[in-house]
Amino acid sequence: MAAPSGREFWIFLRQSTLNMFDFSAILGYQLPQLHNVFRLRRYNGRSLEHTNVLEQEKFYGYHIHTATKRYQQPGFREDHYAVTTNRYQTLEQAIECMLDDCGFRGNLEDSSLFKGQPI
């Protein structure tokens, strides 16, 4: 999807067919003139354990990853840092949280992607 500025954002969705709580909703930014997508936010399901290495925190459950300079500097993935959340329990609710948190509303939420229709 292209923003009014012409910049491109990507949404990636993943859900296990064996465990409905194993999912991710990812918002990425297409880096100009590169083929890389920079992950800005990632909303993970409860089946994934996570460790914030720099803070020495380990947790299990629903959590939201955010791109941070602090984790990129020592060489971790841009969206390694995460915090736990109780704002969603399903992939659909995680998508809603992502849209609310990141300011993507309007035409996007009316697309076939969010109406359970084939794209």
N, C-alpha and C. Protein backbone atom coordinates (compact mmCIF):
# COMPACT_ATOMS: atom_id res chain seq x y z
N MET A 1 0.85 -1.16 0.00
CA MET A 1 0.00 0.00 0.00
C MET A 1 0.89 1.22 0.00
N ALA A 2 0.54 2.20 -0.77
CA ALA A 2 1.32 3.43 -0.85
C ALA A 2 0.64 4.52 -0.03
N ALA A 3 1.45 5.24 0.71
CA ALA A 3 0.96 6.37 1.49
C ALA A 3 0.81 7.58 0.56
N PRO A 4 0.09 8.61 0.98
CA PRO A 4 -0.02 9.82 0.14
C PRO A 4 1.34 10.40 -0.24
N SER A 5 2.35 10.16 0.57
CA SER A 5 3.70 10.64 0.28
C SER A 5 4.39 9.84 -0.81
N GLY A 6 3.78 8.70 -1.21
CA GLY A 6 4.41 7.83 -2.20
C GLY A 6 5.24 6.73 -1.56
N ARG A 7 5.43 6.79 -0.26
CA ARG A 7 6.19 5.74 0.43
C ARG A 7 5.33 4.48 0.51
N GLU A 8 5.99 3.33 0.47
CA GLU A 8 5.26 2.06 0.48
C GLU A 8 5.39 1.35 1.82
N PHE A 9 4.26 0.88 2.31
CA PHE A 9 4.21 0.09 3.53
C PHE A 9 3.65 -1.28 3.16
N TRP A 10 4.09 -2.29 3.90
CA TRP A 10 3.67 -3.66 3.66
C TRP A 10 3.07 -4.23 4.92
N ILE A 11 2.07 -5.07 4.77
CA ILE A 11 1.51 -5.82 5.89
C ILE A 11 1.69 -7.30 5.56
N PHE A 12 2.31 -8.01 6.47
CA PHE A 12 2.51 -9.45 6.35
C PHE A 12 1.71 -10.13 7.44
N LEU A 13 0.98 -11.16 7.09
CA LEU A 13 0.18 -11.92 8.05
C LEU A 13 0.59 -13.38 7.99
N ARG A 14 0.70 -14.01 9.17
CA ARG A 14 1.05 -15.42 9.25
C ARG A 14 0.26 -16.03 10.38
N GLN A 15 -0.33 -17.21 10.12
CA GLN A 15 -1.02 -17.94 11.18
C GLN A 15 -0.85 -19.43 10.94
N SER A 16 -0.49 -20.15 11.97
CA SER A 16 -0.31 -21.59 11.89
C SER A 16 -1.65 -22.27 11.62
N THR A 17 -1.63 -23.31 10.81
CA THR A 17 -2.84 -24.09 10.59
C THR A 17 -3.08 -25.08 11.73
N LEU A 18 -2.04 -25.32 12.53
CA LEU A 18 -2.16 -26.26 13.64
C LEU A 18 -2.50 -25.59 14.97
N ASN A 19 -2.10 -24.33 15.12
CA ASN A 19 -2.31 -23.62 16.39
C ASN A 19 -2.75 -22.19 16.07
N MET A 20 -4.01 -21.89 16.28
CA MET A 20 -4.52 -20.56 15.93
C MET A 20 -3.92 -19.43 16.75
N PHE A 21 -3.24 -19.75 17.85
CA PHE A 21 -2.61 -18.73 18.68
C PHE A 21 -1.17 -18.44 18.25
N ASP A 22 -0.69 -19.17 17.26
CA ASP A 22 0.65 -18.96 16.69
C ASP A 22 0.49 -18.10 15.44
N PHE A 23 0.63 -16.79 15.61
CA PHE A 23 0.43 -15.87 14.49
C PHE A 23 1.32 -14.64 14.63
N SER A 24 1.44 -13.91 13.53
CA SER A 24 2.12 -12.62 13.50
C SER A 24 1.43 -11.71 12.51
N ALA A 25 1.31 -10.46 12.87
CA ALA A 25 0.87 -9.40 11.97
C ALA A 25 2.00 -8.37 11.97
N ILE A 26 2.56 -8.12 10.81
CA ILE A 26 3.77 -7.30 10.71
C ILE A 26 3.52 -6.10 9.81
N LEU A 27 3.94 -4.93 10.26
CA LEU A 27 3.92 -3.72 9.45
C LEU A 27 5.36 -3.40 9.08
N GLY A 28 5.61 -3.30 7.78
CA GLY A 28 6.95 -2.99 7.30
C GLY A 28 6.95 -1.78 6.38
N TYR A 29 8.11 -1.19 6.24
CA TYR A 29 8.32 -0.04 5.37
C TYR A 29 9.29 -0.44 4.27
N GLN A 30 8.90 -0.21 3.01
CA GLN A 30 9.77 -0.52 1.88
C GLN A 30 10.85 0.55 1.81
N LEU A 31 12.10 0.16 2.05
CA LEU A 31 13.19 1.11 1.98
C LEU A 31 13.37 1.58 0.53
N PRO A 32 13.44 2.89 0.30
CA PRO A 32 13.53 3.41 -1.07
C PRO A 32 14.73 2.83 -1.82
N GLN A 33 14.48 2.43 -3.05
CA GLN A 33 15.49 1.93 -3.98
C GLN A 33 16.19 0.66 -3.49
N LEU A 34 15.61 -0.01 -2.51
CA LEU A 34 16.15 -1.29 -2.04
C LEU A 34 15.04 -2.32 -2.08
N HIS A 35 15.41 -3.56 -1.99
CA HIS A 35 14.40 -4.62 -1.97
C HIS A 35 14.09 -5.08 -0.55
N ASN A 36 14.63 -4.38 0.43
CA ASN A 36 14.41 -4.75 1.83
C ASN A 36 13.17 -4.07 2.39
N VAL A 37 12.48 -4.80 3.25
CA VAL A 37 11.35 -4.23 3.99
C VAL A 37 11.79 -4.14 5.45
N PHE A 38 11.74 -2.95 5.99
CA PHE A 38 12.13 -2.67 7.37
C PHE A 38 10.90 -2.88 8.24
N ARG A 39 10.99 -3.83 9.19
CA ARG A 39 9.84 -4.15 10.05
C ARG A 39 9.71 -3.10 11.15
N LEU A 40 8.61 -2.37 11.12
CA LEU A 40 8.34 -1.33 12.11
C LEU A 40 7.67 -1.89 13.35
N ARG A 41 6.67 -2.74 13.16
CA ARG A 41 5.93 -3.35 14.27
C ARG A 41 5.61 -4.79 13.93
N ARG A 42 5.56 -5.62 14.97
CA ARG A 42 5.17 -7.03 14.80
C ARG A 42 4.32 -7.43 16.00
N TYR A 43 3.12 -7.92 15.73
CA TYR A 43 2.17 -8.32 16.76
C TYR A 43 2.12 -9.85 16.77
N ASN A 44 2.68 -10.46 17.81
CA ASN A 44 2.79 -11.92 17.87
C ASN A 44 1.76 -12.53 18.80
N GLY A 45 1.40 -13.76 18.47
CA GLY A 45 0.47 -14.53 19.28
C GLY A 45 1.11 -15.04 20.55
N ARG A 46 0.33 -15.81 21.32
CA ARG A 46 0.78 -16.23 22.64
C ARG A 46 1.67 -17.45 22.63
N SER A 47 1.78 -18.14 21.52
CA SER A 47 2.55 -19.39 21.52
C SER A 47 4.05 -19.16 21.38
N LEU A 48 4.47 -17.91 21.29
CA LEU A 48 5.88 -17.62 21.10
C LEU A 48 6.52 -17.05 22.37
N GLU A 49 7.65 -17.61 22.75
CA GLU A 49 8.42 -17.07 23.86
C GLU A 49 9.35 -16.00 23.31
N HIS A 50 9.61 -14.97 24.09
CA HIS A 50 10.50 -13.90 23.65
C HIS A 50 11.45 -13.50 24.77
N THR A 51 12.66 -13.10 24.39
CA THR A 51 13.64 -12.57 25.33
C THR A 51 14.14 -11.23 24.83
N ASN A 52 13.99 -10.19 25.64
CA ASN A 52 14.64 -8.91 25.38
C ASN A 52 16.05 -9.03 25.96
N VAL A 53 16.99 -9.28 25.09
CA VAL A 53 18.35 -9.62 25.51
C VAL A 53 18.99 -8.50 26.32
N LEU A 54 18.88 -7.27 25.86
CA LEU A 54 19.55 -6.16 26.55
C LEU A 54 18.98 -5.91 27.94
N GLU A 55 17.70 -6.14 28.12
CA GLU A 55 17.06 -5.95 29.43
C GLU A 55 17.07 -7.23 30.27
N GLN A 56 17.47 -8.33 29.67
CA GLN A 56 17.46 -9.65 30.31
C GLN A 56 16.07 -10.00 30.82
N GLU A 57 15.06 -9.75 29.97
CA GLU A 57 13.67 -10.08 30.28
C GLU A 57 13.23 -11.22 29.37
N LYS A 58 12.58 -12.21 29.93
CA LYS A 58 12.03 -13.31 29.15
C LYS A 58 10.55 -13.43 29.49
N PHE A 59 9.72 -13.60 28.46
CA PHE A 59 8.30 -13.77 28.71
C PHE A 59 7.67 -14.63 27.62
N TYR A 60 6.48 -15.09 27.92
CA TYR A 60 5.72 -15.96 27.04
C TYR A 60 4.33 -15.39 26.94
N GLY A 61 3.82 -15.25 25.75
CA GLY A 61 2.46 -14.75 25.57
C GLY A 61 2.40 -13.71 24.49
N TYR A 62 1.24 -13.09 24.37
CA TYR A 62 1.02 -12.07 23.36
C TYR A 62 1.99 -10.92 23.58
N HIS A 63 2.63 -10.47 22.50
CA HIS A 63 3.57 -9.37 22.64
C HIS A 63 3.71 -8.60 21.33
N ILE A 64 4.14 -7.33 21.48
CA ILE A 64 4.29 -6.42 20.36
C ILE A 64 5.75 -6.02 20.23
N HIS A 65 6.31 -6.27 19.06
CA HIS A 65 7.68 -5.88 18.75
C HIS A 65 7.67 -4.49 18.12
N THR A 66 8.70 -3.70 18.43
CA THR A 66 8.84 -2.36 17.86
C THR A 66 10.28 -2.16 17.41
N ALA A 67 10.44 -1.55 16.25
CA ALA A 67 11.78 -1.23 15.77
C ALA A 67 12.42 -0.20 16.70
N THR A 68 13.64 -0.46 17.12
CA THR A 68 14.37 0.47 17.98
C THR A 68 15.81 0.59 17.52
N LYS A 69 16.34 1.78 17.63
CA LYS A 69 17.76 2.01 17.33
C LYS A 69 18.64 1.27 18.33
N ARG A 70 18.18 1.20 19.57
CA ARG A 70 18.95 0.57 20.64
C ARG A 70 19.29 -0.89 20.32
N TYR A 71 18.37 -1.62 19.71
CA TYR A 71 18.63 -3.01 19.37
C TYR A 71 19.36 -3.15 18.03
N GLN A 72 19.21 -2.19 17.15
CA GLN A 72 19.91 -2.26 15.87
C GLN A 72 21.40 -2.02 16.03
N GLN A 73 21.79 -1.12 16.92
CA GLN A 73 23.20 -0.77 17.08
C GLN A 73 24.09 -1.98 17.38
N PRO A 74 23.70 -2.89 18.29
CA PRO A 74 24.57 -4.06 18.53
C PRO A 74 24.37 -5.18 17.51
N GLY A 75 23.47 -4.97 16.51
CA GLY A 75 23.32 -5.96 15.46
C GLY A 75 22.10 -6.86 15.54
N PHE A 76 21.17 -6.59 16.44
CA PHE A 76 19.94 -7.36 16.51
C PHE A 76 18.99 -6.91 15.39
N ARG A 77 17.98 -7.73 15.11
CA ARG A 77 16.97 -7.34 14.13
C ARG A 77 16.30 -6.05 14.58
N GLU A 78 15.89 -5.25 13.62
CA GLU A 78 15.33 -3.94 13.94
C GLU A 78 14.15 -4.01 14.90
N ASP A 79 13.34 -5.07 14.82
CA ASP A 79 12.15 -5.16 15.66
C ASP A 79 12.30 -6.19 16.78
N HIS A 80 13.51 -6.38 17.27
CA HIS A 80 13.73 -7.40 18.30
C HIS A 80 13.05 -7.06 19.62
N TYR A 81 13.09 -5.80 20.04
CA TYR A 81 12.51 -5.41 21.33
C TYR A 81 10.99 -5.61 21.33
N ALA A 82 10.45 -6.14 22.42
CA ALA A 82 9.01 -6.39 22.52
C ALA A 82 8.50 -6.14 23.94
N VAL A 83 7.20 -5.87 24.02
CA VAL A 83 6.52 -5.74 25.31
C VAL A 83 5.28 -6.62 25.28
N THR A 84 4.92 -7.15 26.45
CA THR A 84 3.72 -7.99 26.54
C THR A 84 2.48 -7.12 26.39
N THR A 85 1.39 -7.76 26.00
CA THR A 85 0.13 -7.05 25.84
C THR A 85 -1.04 -7.96 26.15
N ASN A 86 -2.14 -7.36 26.54
CA ASN A 86 -3.40 -8.09 26.70
C ASN A 86 -4.48 -7.48 25.81
N ARG A 87 -4.06 -6.73 24.79
CA ARG A 87 -4.99 -6.01 23.93
C ARG A 87 -5.60 -6.87 22.84
N TYR A 88 -5.06 -8.05 22.59
CA TYR A 88 -5.62 -8.93 21.56
C TYR A 88 -5.39 -10.38 21.94
N GLN A 89 -6.24 -11.25 21.37
CA GLN A 89 -6.10 -12.70 21.56
C GLN A 89 -6.17 -13.44 20.23
N THR A 90 -6.53 -12.76 19.15
CA THR A 90 -6.66 -13.39 17.84
C THR A 90 -5.87 -12.58 16.81
N LEU A 91 -5.62 -13.18 15.66
CA LEU A 91 -4.94 -12.47 14.58
C LEU A 91 -5.76 -11.25 14.15
N GLU A 92 -7.06 -11.42 14.05
CA GLU A 92 -7.92 -10.31 13.63
C GLU A 92 -7.82 -9.14 14.62
N GLN A 93 -7.81 -9.44 15.91
CA GLN A 93 -7.68 -8.38 16.92
C GLN A 93 -6.29 -7.75 16.87
N ALA A 94 -5.26 -8.55 16.58
CA ALA A 94 -3.91 -8.01 16.45
C ALA A 94 -3.83 -7.04 15.28
N ILE A 95 -4.51 -7.37 14.18
CA ILE A 95 -4.55 -6.46 13.03
C ILE A 95 -5.22 -5.15 13.42
N GLU A 96 -6.32 -5.23 14.15
CA GLU A 96 -7.01 -4.02 14.61
C GLU A 96 -6.09 -3.16 15.47
N CYS A 97 -5.35 -3.79 16.38
CA CYS A 97 -4.41 -3.06 17.22
C CYS A 97 -3.34 -2.37 16.37
N MET A 98 -2.82 -3.10 15.38
CA MET A 98 -1.81 -2.54 14.50
C MET A 98 -2.36 -1.31 13.75
N LEU A 99 -3.55 -1.44 13.22
CA LEU A 99 -4.16 -0.31 12.50
C LEU A 99 -4.36 0.88 13.43
N ASP A 100 -4.82 0.63 14.67
CA ASP A 100 -5.01 1.71 15.64
C ASP A 100 -3.68 2.34 16.02
N ASP A 101 -2.69 1.51 16.36
CA ASP A 101 -1.40 2.01 16.83
C ASP A 101 -0.65 2.79 15.76
N CYS A 102 -0.77 2.37 14.51
CA CYS A 102 0.07 2.92 13.45
C CYS A 102 -0.65 3.92 12.56
N GLY A 103 -1.92 4.19 12.84
CA GLY A 103 -2.63 5.24 12.13
C GLY A 103 -3.07 4.88 10.72
N PHE A 104 -3.25 3.59 10.42
CA PHE A 104 -3.72 3.17 9.10
C PHE A 104 -5.20 2.84 9.19
N ARG A 105 -6.00 3.73 8.71
CA ARG A 105 -7.45 3.54 8.68
C ARG A 105 -7.97 4.06 7.36
N GLY A 106 -9.25 3.89 7.12
CA GLY A 106 -9.84 4.40 5.89
C GLY A 106 -9.87 3.34 4.82
N ASN A 107 -9.30 3.60 3.66
CA ASN A 107 -9.36 2.69 2.52
C ASN A 107 -8.79 1.31 2.84
N LEU A 108 -7.76 1.24 3.64
CA LEU A 108 -7.13 -0.04 3.95
C LEU A 108 -8.09 -0.99 4.65
N GLU A 109 -8.82 -0.49 5.64
CA GLU A 109 -9.70 -1.40 6.38
C GLU A 109 -10.90 -1.85 5.55
N ASP A 110 -11.16 -1.19 4.44
CA ASP A 110 -12.24 -1.61 3.55
C ASP A 110 -11.77 -2.58 2.47
N SER A 111 -10.48 -2.87 2.44
CA SER A 111 -9.95 -3.74 1.39
C SER A 111 -10.35 -5.20 1.64
N SER A 112 -10.22 -6.03 0.62
CA SER A 112 -10.60 -7.43 0.72
C SER A 112 -9.75 -8.17 1.76
N LEU A 113 -8.56 -7.66 2.03
CA LEU A 113 -7.67 -8.29 3.01
C LEU A 113 -8.35 -8.40 4.38
N PHE A 114 -9.15 -7.40 4.76
CA PHE A 114 -9.75 -7.37 6.08
C PHE A 114 -11.23 -7.76 6.08
N LYS A 115 -11.72 -8.24 4.97
CA LYS A 115 -13.12 -8.68 4.89
C LYS A 115 -13.20 -10.18 4.67
N GLY A 116 -12.08 -10.89 4.84
CA GLY A 116 -12.08 -12.33 4.68
C GLY A 116 -12.29 -12.79 3.26
N GLN A 117 -12.00 -11.92 2.29
CA GLN A 117 -12.16 -12.25 0.89
C GLN A 117 -10.79 -12.48 0.26
N PRO A 118 -10.73 -13.27 -0.79
CA PRO A 118 -9.44 -13.44 -1.48
C PRO A 118 -8.97 -12.12 -2.05
N ILE A 119 -7.68 -11.96 -2.06
CA ILE A 119 -7.09 -10.72 -2.58
C ILE A 119 -6.99 -10.81 -4.09
